[in-house]
Amino acid sequence: MRWALIDFRHPFFRPMTRRVVIFALVAIWTVVEFFAGSQGWVIFFAALTAYVGWGLFLSGQPDEPLDADGQPGHDPAPKDGE
């Protein structure tokens, strides 16, 4: 069993625009907390921003092709005549 704070393989995260908007919102909130002077929340949201950035852009999971069951896997290449 794989434990994760957020399931980056969920189909909701497949469009690039959603990934960029979610990352931007978390990053902006980190800046808001920084200017509010909340050091603890800045550390928390900076870590969350790094985690979301890694999961949405660097882990490669959202762009993996899905098989017929909707699970990550490789779709076979179409054969000649299909």
Protein backbone atom coordinates (compact mmCIF):
# COMPACT_ATOMS: atom_id res chain seq x y z
CA MET A 1 0.00 0.00 0.00
CA ARG A 2 1.33 3.37 -1.01
CA TRP A 3 0.82 6.27 1.38
CA ALA A 4 0.49 9.78 -0.03
CA LEU A 5 -0.82 13.08 1.21
CA ILE A 6 -2.30 13.78 -2.22
CA ASP A 7 -2.94 11.23 -4.97
CA PHE A 8 -1.23 12.92 -7.91
CA ARG A 9 -2.38 10.09 -10.21
CA HIS A 10 -6.02 11.13 -9.85
CA PRO A 11 -7.56 12.16 -13.21
CA PHE A 12 -8.40 15.59 -11.76
CA PHE A 13 -4.72 16.55 -11.92
CA ARG A 14 -4.17 15.53 -15.57
CA PRO A 15 -4.81 18.96 -17.23
CA MET A 16 -1.72 21.17 -17.04
CA THR A 17 -3.77 24.29 -16.27
CA ARG A 18 -5.14 22.73 -13.07
CA ARG A 19 -1.66 21.73 -11.97
CA VAL A 20 -0.30 25.23 -12.56
CA VAL A 21 -3.23 26.92 -10.78
CA ILE A 22 -3.02 24.64 -7.74
CA PHE A 23 0.74 25.14 -7.46
CA ALA A 24 0.35 28.92 -7.86
CA LEU A 25 -2.33 29.12 -5.15
CA VAL A 26 -0.20 27.24 -2.63
CA ALA A 27 2.86 29.33 -3.50
CA ILE A 28 0.90 32.59 -3.24
CA TRP A 29 -0.46 31.57 0.15
CA THR A 30 3.12 30.93 1.29
CA VAL A 31 3.97 34.52 0.34
CA VAL A 32 0.85 35.83 2.14
CA GLU A 33 1.90 34.07 5.34
CA PHE A 34 5.45 35.38 4.94
CA PHE A 35 4.25 38.98 4.81
CA ALA A 36 1.84 38.34 7.70
CA GLY A 37 4.84 37.34 9.81
CA SER A 38 3.68 33.81 10.64
CA GLN A 39 6.92 31.86 10.62
CA GLY A 40 5.35 28.50 11.43
CA TRP A 41 2.80 28.75 8.64
CA VAL A 42 5.50 29.91 6.22
CA ILE A 43 7.50 26.76 6.93
CA PHE A 44 4.40 24.59 6.57
CA PHE A 45 3.25 26.14 3.31
CA ALA A 46 6.79 26.26 1.88
CA ALA A 47 7.06 22.52 2.51
CA LEU A 48 3.60 21.98 1.02
CA THR A 49 4.56 24.07 -2.03
CA ALA A 50 7.68 21.96 -2.54
CA TYR A 51 5.67 18.73 -2.15
CA VAL A 52 2.95 19.86 -4.58
CA GLY A 53 5.54 21.11 -7.08
CA TRP A 54 7.38 17.79 -6.96
CA GLY A 55 4.18 15.77 -7.25
CA LEU A 56 2.58 17.77 -10.05
CA PHE A 57 5.63 18.57 -12.18
CA LEU A 58 8.69 16.49 -11.29
CA SER A 59 7.42 13.04 -10.36
CA GLY A 60 6.13 12.26 -13.86
CA GLN A 61 3.03 10.56 -12.52
CA PRO A 62 0.26 12.79 -13.93
CA ASP A 63 1.33 12.26 -17.53
CA GLU A 64 1.56 8.47 -17.41
CA PRO A 65 -0.84 6.91 -19.90
CA LEU A 66 -3.81 5.08 -18.42
CA ASP A 67 -4.85 1.58 -19.40
CA ALA A 68 -8.42 0.47 -20.15
CA ASP A 69 -9.22 0.20 -16.42
CA GLY A 70 -8.11 3.78 -15.75
CA GLN A 71 -4.98 2.64 -13.93
CA PRO A 72 -1.51 3.97 -14.76
CA GLY A 73 0.17 1.77 -17.30
CA HIS A 74 1.31 1.73 -20.89
CA ASP A 75 -1.25 1.57 -23.65
CA PRO A 76 -0.15 -0.82 -26.35
CA ALA A 77 0.69 0.76 -29.67
CA PRO A 78 -2.00 0.26 -32.30
CA LYS A 79 -1.24 -2.62 -34.65
CA ASP A 80 -1.28 -2.32 -38.41
CA GLY A 81 -4.80 -2.57 -39.78
CA GLU A 82 -6.54 -1.29 -36.65
